[in-house]
Amino acid sequence: MKPAPFRYHRPATPAEAWETLAADPGAKVLAGGQSLVPLLSMRLASPPALVDINAVAGLDAIEIRDDGVHVGALVRHADLLASPEAGKVQPLLARALVHVAHPTIRNRGTSVGSLVHADSAAELPAVLALLGGSVVAGSVRGTRTVPAEQLFVGPLESSLRPDELALGAVFPALPEGAGVAFGEVARRHGDYALCGVAALVHGDTVKASYLSVSDVPTVVDLTGVPEEELGDVALQHLDPVGDIHATADYRAQLVRVLTKKVVRQARLDRLDDREAR
């Protein structure tokens, strides 16, 4: 199929993009297009206009600051994965990004675009939620920071307003002495995960974030939970559902197995880091 007709805009500055979005209600932002273009082609989405931000300067930077890794709206998955500085400051990024689709998709898809697409089966929304990161959005009204806990509001639904442009995201740095790990199960490498888990261990605190299990990326505090009970406690906060790829019971079992495995890896990661120093 072919997309329905739409108006095409290619702004050169963030301000021009904001003005275009404000003046053309229903317009959608085009960055990497790895999610949007298939939706357009299948006519599952028929926006009246596209705002292509690929000509907007300054949105393709990866910056390391005191608070963590700042990722511009046009940073491709592949570039973030290949950044040694980003991997050092927040190693969970590389550990999750290697699971994102295939190299061809990672070469074009944008990390911030994945966040605002708000797919609960995607890796980066779960990572941002676990780390307590945020997205910076701008519009003709100004800019604002949206914390991860307020960003994901429903299936494929973020709290960004229709006239807002996501300018970038902040992934907090890994605290001293903390450990992280990521794991997922998919039918084939590159497919959407049937279940995925990201874990963060810092001091006595243990947290895990889940993808492909609930309608939104869900973070569960597992502090103080015995290892053999981690998965069952996590399931009290999750809502596995069945589909053509996996039954609800199978997803629940994956939660049990992966939670235990990934939390153990995060604890080992913390110990390995301590020994290295």
Protein backbone atom coordinates (compact mmCIF):
# COMPACT_ATOMS: atom_id res chain seq x y z
CA MET A 1 0.00 0.00 0.00
CA LYS A 2 0.93 3.63 -0.32
CA PRO A 3 0.53 6.34 2.32
CA ALA A 4 -2.48 8.61 2.17
CA PRO A 5 -1.67 12.09 0.79
CA PHE A 6 0.01 14.46 3.24
CA ARG A 7 1.70 17.85 3.33
CA TYR A 8 5.47 17.76 3.71
CA HIS A 9 7.48 20.27 5.75
CA ARG A 10 11.27 20.32 6.21
CA PRO A 11 12.17 22.98 8.78
CA ALA A 12 15.74 24.12 9.28
CA THR A 13 15.54 25.21 12.94
CA PRO A 14 13.72 24.01 16.06
CA ALA A 15 11.72 27.23 16.13
CA GLU A 16 10.57 26.67 12.56
CA ALA A 17 9.55 23.11 13.45
CA TRP A 18 7.58 24.33 16.48
CA GLU A 19 5.77 26.91 14.40
CA THR A 20 4.92 24.32 11.76
CA LEU A 21 3.56 21.89 14.34
CA ALA A 22 1.49 24.63 15.94
CA ALA A 23 0.06 25.75 12.61
CA ASP A 24 -0.72 22.28 11.23
CA PRO A 25 -2.78 20.32 13.79
CA GLY A 26 -2.37 16.58 13.50
CA ALA A 27 1.07 16.78 11.88
CA LYS A 28 3.57 14.08 12.82
CA VAL A 29 7.32 14.43 13.27
CA LEU A 30 9.56 12.40 10.98
CA ALA A 31 13.05 11.62 12.28
CA GLY A 32 14.28 8.08 11.62
CA GLY A 33 10.93 6.92 10.31
CA GLN A 34 11.44 3.26 11.24
CA SER A 35 8.11 3.16 13.09
CA LEU A 36 6.19 5.94 11.38
CA VAL A 37 6.82 5.06 7.72
CA PRO A 38 5.48 1.48 8.00
CA LEU A 39 2.39 2.84 9.76
CA LEU A 40 1.91 5.32 6.94
CA SER A 41 2.43 2.68 4.26
CA MET A 42 -0.18 0.39 5.83
CA ARG A 43 -2.47 3.38 6.42
CA LEU A 44 -2.63 2.62 10.11
CA ALA A 45 -1.75 6.31 10.48
CA SER A 46 -2.86 9.07 8.12
CA PRO A 47 -1.58 12.39 9.44
CA PRO A 48 -2.39 15.46 7.33
CA ALA A 49 1.27 16.53 7.37
CA LEU A 50 4.79 15.35 8.13
CA VAL A 51 7.42 17.57 9.73
CA ASP A 52 10.79 16.17 8.67
CA ILE A 53 13.38 17.35 11.22
CA ASN A 54 16.43 15.80 9.54
CA ALA A 55 17.60 19.21 8.31
CA VAL A 56 17.43 20.78 11.79
CA ALA A 57 20.98 21.47 12.92
CA GLY A 58 22.21 20.61 16.40
CA LEU A 59 19.95 17.65 17.11
CA ASP A 60 22.45 14.90 16.30
CA ALA A 61 24.83 15.32 19.23
CA ILE A 62 25.72 12.90 22.01
CA GLU A 63 26.94 14.91 25.00
CA ILE A 64 28.42 13.64 28.25
CA ARG A 65 27.56 15.95 31.12
CA ASP A 66 27.75 15.71 34.89
CA ASP A 67 24.24 14.28 35.12
CA GLY A 68 24.59 11.67 32.38
CA VAL A 69 24.27 11.08 28.64
CA HIS A 70 22.38 13.71 26.66
CA VAL A 71 21.07 12.36 23.36
CA GLY A 72 19.78 14.64 20.61
CA ALA A 73 16.60 13.90 18.68
CA LEU A 74 18.50 12.86 15.53
CA VAL A 75 21.03 10.55 17.18
CA ARG A 76 20.77 7.13 15.53
CA HIS A 77 20.71 3.95 17.57
CA ALA A 78 23.93 2.82 15.88
CA ASP A 79 25.79 6.00 16.82
CA LEU A 80 24.72 5.78 20.45
CA LEU A 81 25.66 2.10 20.56
CA ALA A 82 29.09 2.87 19.09
CA SER A 83 29.87 5.73 21.49
CA PRO A 84 32.52 4.59 24.01
CA GLU A 85 31.89 7.66 26.16
CA ALA A 86 28.16 6.92 26.44
CA GLY A 87 28.87 3.26 27.17
CA LYS A 88 31.25 4.18 29.96
CA VAL A 89 28.96 6.70 31.64
CA GLN A 90 25.83 4.54 31.31
CA PRO A 91 26.66 0.96 30.22
CA LEU A 92 23.00 -0.09 30.20
CA LEU A 93 22.54 1.86 26.96
CA ALA A 94 24.85 -0.36 24.91
CA ARG A 95 23.60 -3.52 26.61
CA ALA A 96 20.05 -2.71 25.56
CA LEU A 97 20.74 -1.16 22.15
CA VAL A 98 22.45 -4.28 20.82
CA HIS A 99 19.02 -5.96 21.03
CA VAL A 100 17.25 -3.27 18.96
CA ALA A 101 16.12 -4.81 15.67
CA HIS A 102 18.91 -5.21 13.07
CA PRO A 103 21.90 -3.04 12.00
CA THR A 104 19.95 -1.59 9.08
CA ILE A 105 17.22 -0.38 11.43
CA ARG A 106 19.71 0.87 14.00
CA ASN A 107 21.56 2.85 11.33
CA ARG A 108 18.47 4.93 10.61
CA GLY A 109 16.22 4.71 13.67
CA THR A 110 16.59 7.38 16.34
CA SER A 111 16.84 6.71 20.05
CA VAL A 112 14.65 9.64 21.04
CA GLY A 113 12.12 8.65 18.40
CA SER A 114 11.87 5.23 20.02
CA LEU A 115 11.17 6.89 23.37
CA VAL A 116 8.36 9.15 22.18
CA HIS A 117 6.84 6.34 20.08
CA ALA A 118 6.24 4.82 23.53
CA ASP A 119 6.15 1.20 22.43
CA SER A 120 6.18 -0.95 25.56
CA ALA A 121 7.93 -3.68 23.52
CA ALA A 122 10.91 -1.43 22.75
CA GLU A 123 14.14 -1.52 24.74
CA LEU A 124 14.94 2.16 25.31
CA PRO A 125 11.65 3.18 26.99
CA ALA A 126 12.28 0.47 29.60
CA VAL A 127 15.85 1.72 30.07
CA LEU A 128 14.79 5.36 30.45
CA ALA A 129 12.11 4.39 32.96
CA LEU A 130 14.51 2.30 35.05
CA LEU A 131 17.17 5.00 35.16
CA GLY A 132 14.73 7.80 35.95
CA GLY A 133 15.68 9.69 32.81
CA SER A 134 13.74 12.35 30.98
CA VAL A 135 12.85 13.82 27.60
CA VAL A 136 13.18 17.50 26.73
CA ALA A 137 10.36 18.84 24.54
CA GLY A 138 9.89 22.21 22.89
CA SER A 139 7.04 24.15 21.33
CA VAL A 140 6.09 27.74 20.61
CA ARG A 141 5.30 27.98 24.33
CA GLY A 142 8.88 27.13 25.33
CA THR A 143 10.70 24.02 26.48
CA ARG A 144 9.97 21.60 29.29
CA THR A 145 11.46 18.45 30.78
CA VAL A 146 9.22 15.39 30.99
CA PRO A 147 10.37 12.75 33.53
CA ALA A 148 10.15 9.15 32.37
CA GLU A 149 7.48 8.33 34.95
CA GLN A 150 5.24 10.93 33.32
CA LEU A 151 6.15 10.21 29.71
CA PHE A 152 4.55 6.83 29.07
CA VAL A 153 0.79 7.02 29.57
CA GLY A 154 -0.62 4.16 27.48
CA PRO A 155 0.00 1.78 24.58
CA LEU A 156 1.96 3.76 21.97
CA GLU A 157 0.97 6.93 23.81
CA SER A 158 3.26 9.50 25.39
CA SER A 159 2.39 12.65 27.31
CA LEU A 160 4.00 14.92 24.71
CA ARG A 161 1.51 17.42 23.33
CA PRO A 162 0.61 17.35 19.62
CA ASP A 163 2.52 20.56 18.91
CA GLU A 164 5.66 19.57 20.84
CA LEU A 165 8.94 18.39 19.35
CA ALA A 166 11.16 16.08 21.38
CA LEU A 167 14.56 17.76 21.33
CA GLY A 168 16.50 15.13 23.24
CA ALA A 169 16.67 12.74 26.15
CA VAL A 170 18.80 12.41 29.27
CA PHE A 171 19.98 9.02 30.50
CA PRO A 172 21.41 9.47 34.01
CA ALA A 173 24.96 8.32 34.68
CA LEU A 174 25.52 5.05 36.49
CA PRO A 175 26.13 5.81 40.18
CA GLU A 176 29.43 4.82 41.75
CA GLY A 177 29.32 1.18 42.83
CA ALA A 178 26.11 0.37 40.96
CA GLY A 179 25.58 -2.51 38.53
CA VAL A 180 23.27 -2.91 35.54
CA ALA A 181 22.23 -5.72 33.22
CA PHE A 182 19.79 -6.38 30.40
CA GLY A 183 18.25 -9.51 28.94
CA GLU A 184 15.40 -10.46 26.66
CA VAL A 185 13.90 -13.44 24.86
CA ALA A 186 12.74 -13.19 21.25
CA ARG A 187 11.79 -15.83 18.72
CA ARG A 188 14.53 -14.57 16.40
CA HIS A 189 17.29 -12.04 16.97
CA GLY A 190 15.95 -8.64 15.98
CA ASP A 191 12.30 -9.52 16.57
CA TYR A 192 10.37 -7.72 19.26
CA ALA A 193 11.04 -9.37 22.61
CA LEU A 194 8.48 -11.73 24.10
CA CYS A 195 9.78 -10.42 27.41
CA GLY A 196 12.68 -8.20 28.39
CA VAL A 197 14.18 -7.09 31.69
CA ALA A 198 16.61 -4.34 32.62
CA ALA A 199 18.02 -4.33 36.16
CA LEU A 200 19.79 -1.77 38.35
CA VAL A 201 21.48 -2.68 41.63
CA HIS A 202 22.83 0.13 43.80
CA GLY A 203 23.69 -0.50 47.43
CA ASP A 204 20.75 -2.41 48.89
CA THR A 205 18.38 -1.12 46.18
CA VAL A 206 17.28 -3.49 43.43
CA LYS A 207 14.99 -2.35 40.62
CA ALA A 208 13.90 -3.97 37.39
CA SER A 209 12.13 -2.58 34.33
CA TYR A 210 10.06 -4.71 31.96
CA LEU A 211 9.22 -4.59 28.28
CA SER A 212 6.66 -6.57 26.27
CA VAL A 213 4.80 -7.46 29.45
CA SER A 214 2.50 -4.52 30.26
CA ASP A 215 0.93 -1.66 28.31
CA VAL A 216 3.70 0.72 29.38
CA PRO A 217 7.30 0.21 30.52
CA THR A 218 6.96 -0.83 34.15
CA VAL A 219 9.56 -0.44 36.91
CA VAL A 220 9.32 -2.74 39.94
CA ASP A 221 11.20 -2.18 43.19
CA LEU A 222 12.62 -5.54 44.27
CA THR A 223 14.71 -4.30 47.17
CA GLY A 224 14.94 -6.88 49.92
CA VAL A 225 13.23 -9.64 47.92
CA PRO A 226 14.95 -13.05 48.17
CA GLU A 227 16.42 -14.22 44.87
CA GLU A 228 14.07 -17.17 44.49
CA GLU A 229 11.04 -14.87 44.88
CA LEU A 230 12.12 -12.06 42.53
CA GLY A 231 10.00 -13.12 39.56
CA ASP A 232 6.84 -13.86 41.53
CA VAL A 233 7.05 -10.52 43.34
CA ALA A 234 7.60 -8.72 40.03
CA LEU A 235 4.49 -10.40 38.56
CA GLN A 236 2.37 -8.80 41.28
CA HIS A 237 3.04 -5.47 39.53
CA LEU A 238 2.82 -6.66 35.92
CA ASP A 239 0.05 -7.73 33.57
CA PRO A 240 1.30 -10.33 31.08
CA VAL A 241 -1.11 -10.89 28.20
CA GLY A 242 -1.24 -13.51 25.49
CA ASP A 243 -1.07 -12.94 21.74
CA ILE A 244 -0.10 -14.86 18.61
CA HIS A 245 3.53 -14.90 19.73
CA ALA A 246 3.23 -16.12 23.32
CA THR A 247 0.62 -17.03 25.90
CA ALA A 248 0.21 -15.01 29.08
CA ASP A 249 1.48 -17.97 31.10
CA TYR A 250 4.61 -18.23 28.97
CA ARG A 251 5.33 -14.52 29.38
CA ALA A 252 4.85 -14.87 33.13
CA GLN A 253 7.37 -17.71 33.17
CA LEU A 254 9.82 -15.56 31.19
CA VAL A 255 9.40 -12.84 33.82
CA ARG A 256 10.33 -15.33 36.53
CA VAL A 257 13.37 -16.67 34.72
CA LEU A 258 14.71 -13.40 33.29
CA THR A 259 14.23 -11.38 36.48
CA LYS A 260 16.36 -13.78 38.50
CA LYS A 261 19.00 -14.02 35.76
CA VAL A 262 19.28 -10.30 35.01
CA VAL A 263 19.32 -9.18 38.65
CA ARG A 264 22.09 -11.70 39.31
CA GLN A 265 24.05 -10.28 36.35
CA ALA A 266 23.60 -6.73 37.66
CA ARG A 267 24.96 -7.79 41.04
CA LEU A 268 27.97 -9.41 39.36
CA ASP A 269 28.45 -6.30 37.22
CA ARG A 270 28.65 -4.22 40.40
CA LEU A 271 31.22 -6.57 41.92
CA ASP A 272 33.29 -6.71 38.74
CA ASP A 273 33.34 -2.91 38.63
CA ARG A 274 34.49 -2.73 42.24
CA GLU A 275 37.28 -5.26 41.63
CA ALA A 276 38.41 -3.36 38.51
CA ARG A 277 38.92 -0.23 40.57
